[in-house]
Amino acid sequence: MAMDRTQLLFKTLVECYIRDGQPVGSKALVREAELCLSSATVRNILAALEDRGLLASPHASAGRVPTQLGYRLFVDRLLTVEPLAHQSVERLQQELNQDLSARDLVAKASQFLSEITQHTGLVMVPRRDLVEVRHIEFLPLGGTRVLVILVFGSNDVQNQIIQTARPYSDTELTQAGNYLSHRFAGRSLGAIADELIRAMQADKATMDSLMQAALDMATKTFEATPGGDYVLSGEANLLGMAESQGMGRLRELFEAFNSKRDILHLLEGCQRSDGVELYIGAESGINPFEELSVVTAPYEANGRVLGRLAVIGPTRMAYQRIIPLVEVTAKILSSALNP
């Protein structure tokens, strides 16, 4: 369905502002939209759009800019998405290959998103409780300290030190590792934990020493397994915010990145979504992000969502390019993580 002149003017204004970063006046808008309308008619239309909360005038007689509500209308109803360039797809497929570990894949995806968009790229580290385990090994470090080596199906290896309930011999640790590897290879940490919890609820008197050792090792391992995390690239691309919002807001932004809690809460909140999600300004619920937008999509392996990746940048971002970029990157990362 063809757009009416009000929609066309509004769409053109948003596109001009995204491109140039300057408030758009009525004369420039008529020229860009290629409409045979008088400046007075255009001003009346823009005034009506401003009354609806879609546009704002930063200064008197300085043209208009889209509001958060205006961006949302533009993205939801008027956006023309640009397909990702074939060269970018090929490069991404070459960089995100299955020979890399999950951590390296996440880092490369984050760097790629930042480099291509000139904004900030963020990729959550795959959730450990959903990644398949290939091998579990325990090595004694002395006393009750044990080194745990977890080999995941995503070519990722995690080492961590746990404190056990009592000292274990080399033989006990080897047997416990072999038992868990044989019993649970190909299962996720979450599935393993569920079954071990059921075992703990059974009659402990029926457990042999091997099962008790394996249960102790596994329980301590799950307790020590780190929670959510992400890899961030291109934070410096947000330094331009200091000019318009001051160093105080920029400091708040970097504190939000460092604490990670609010950002992970936002991304985990849309884990069940199977497509691109977009948060514009205050929609994210993160105070320092009031002038930023977050474009995010899930990546998965074996049919399970392992995390999300995102581009974070000013609300004046090129949504028509960034939305398909985020979507394609998520799909290629998913492909690389599938064995």
Foldseek 3Di string as FASTA:
>chain_A
DDDDPLVLLLLQQLVVCLVPVFADALVNSCVSSVDPDDSVVSVVSVVVCVVVVQWDDPDPPRHIYGDLVVLVCCVPPPDDADADDPVLLVVLLVLLALVDAQVSNQQVLQASLCVVFVFKKKWKRFFQQAFFWQFWAWDDPDWQKIWIWTQTLSRDIDIDIFGFPGDDDPVLRHLLRVVCNVVRGRHGLNVVVVVLVVVVVDDCVPDDPSNVSNSRVSVRVVVPDDGMDMDMPNLVSAVVVCVVPNVVLNVLVVVCNVVVPLVQCLFVVCQVDQAKDKAAACSSVRVSRNQKMKIKHFAAEPPHTRTMMIGIDGSSGPCSHSRNVRGSSRDSNNVSSYD
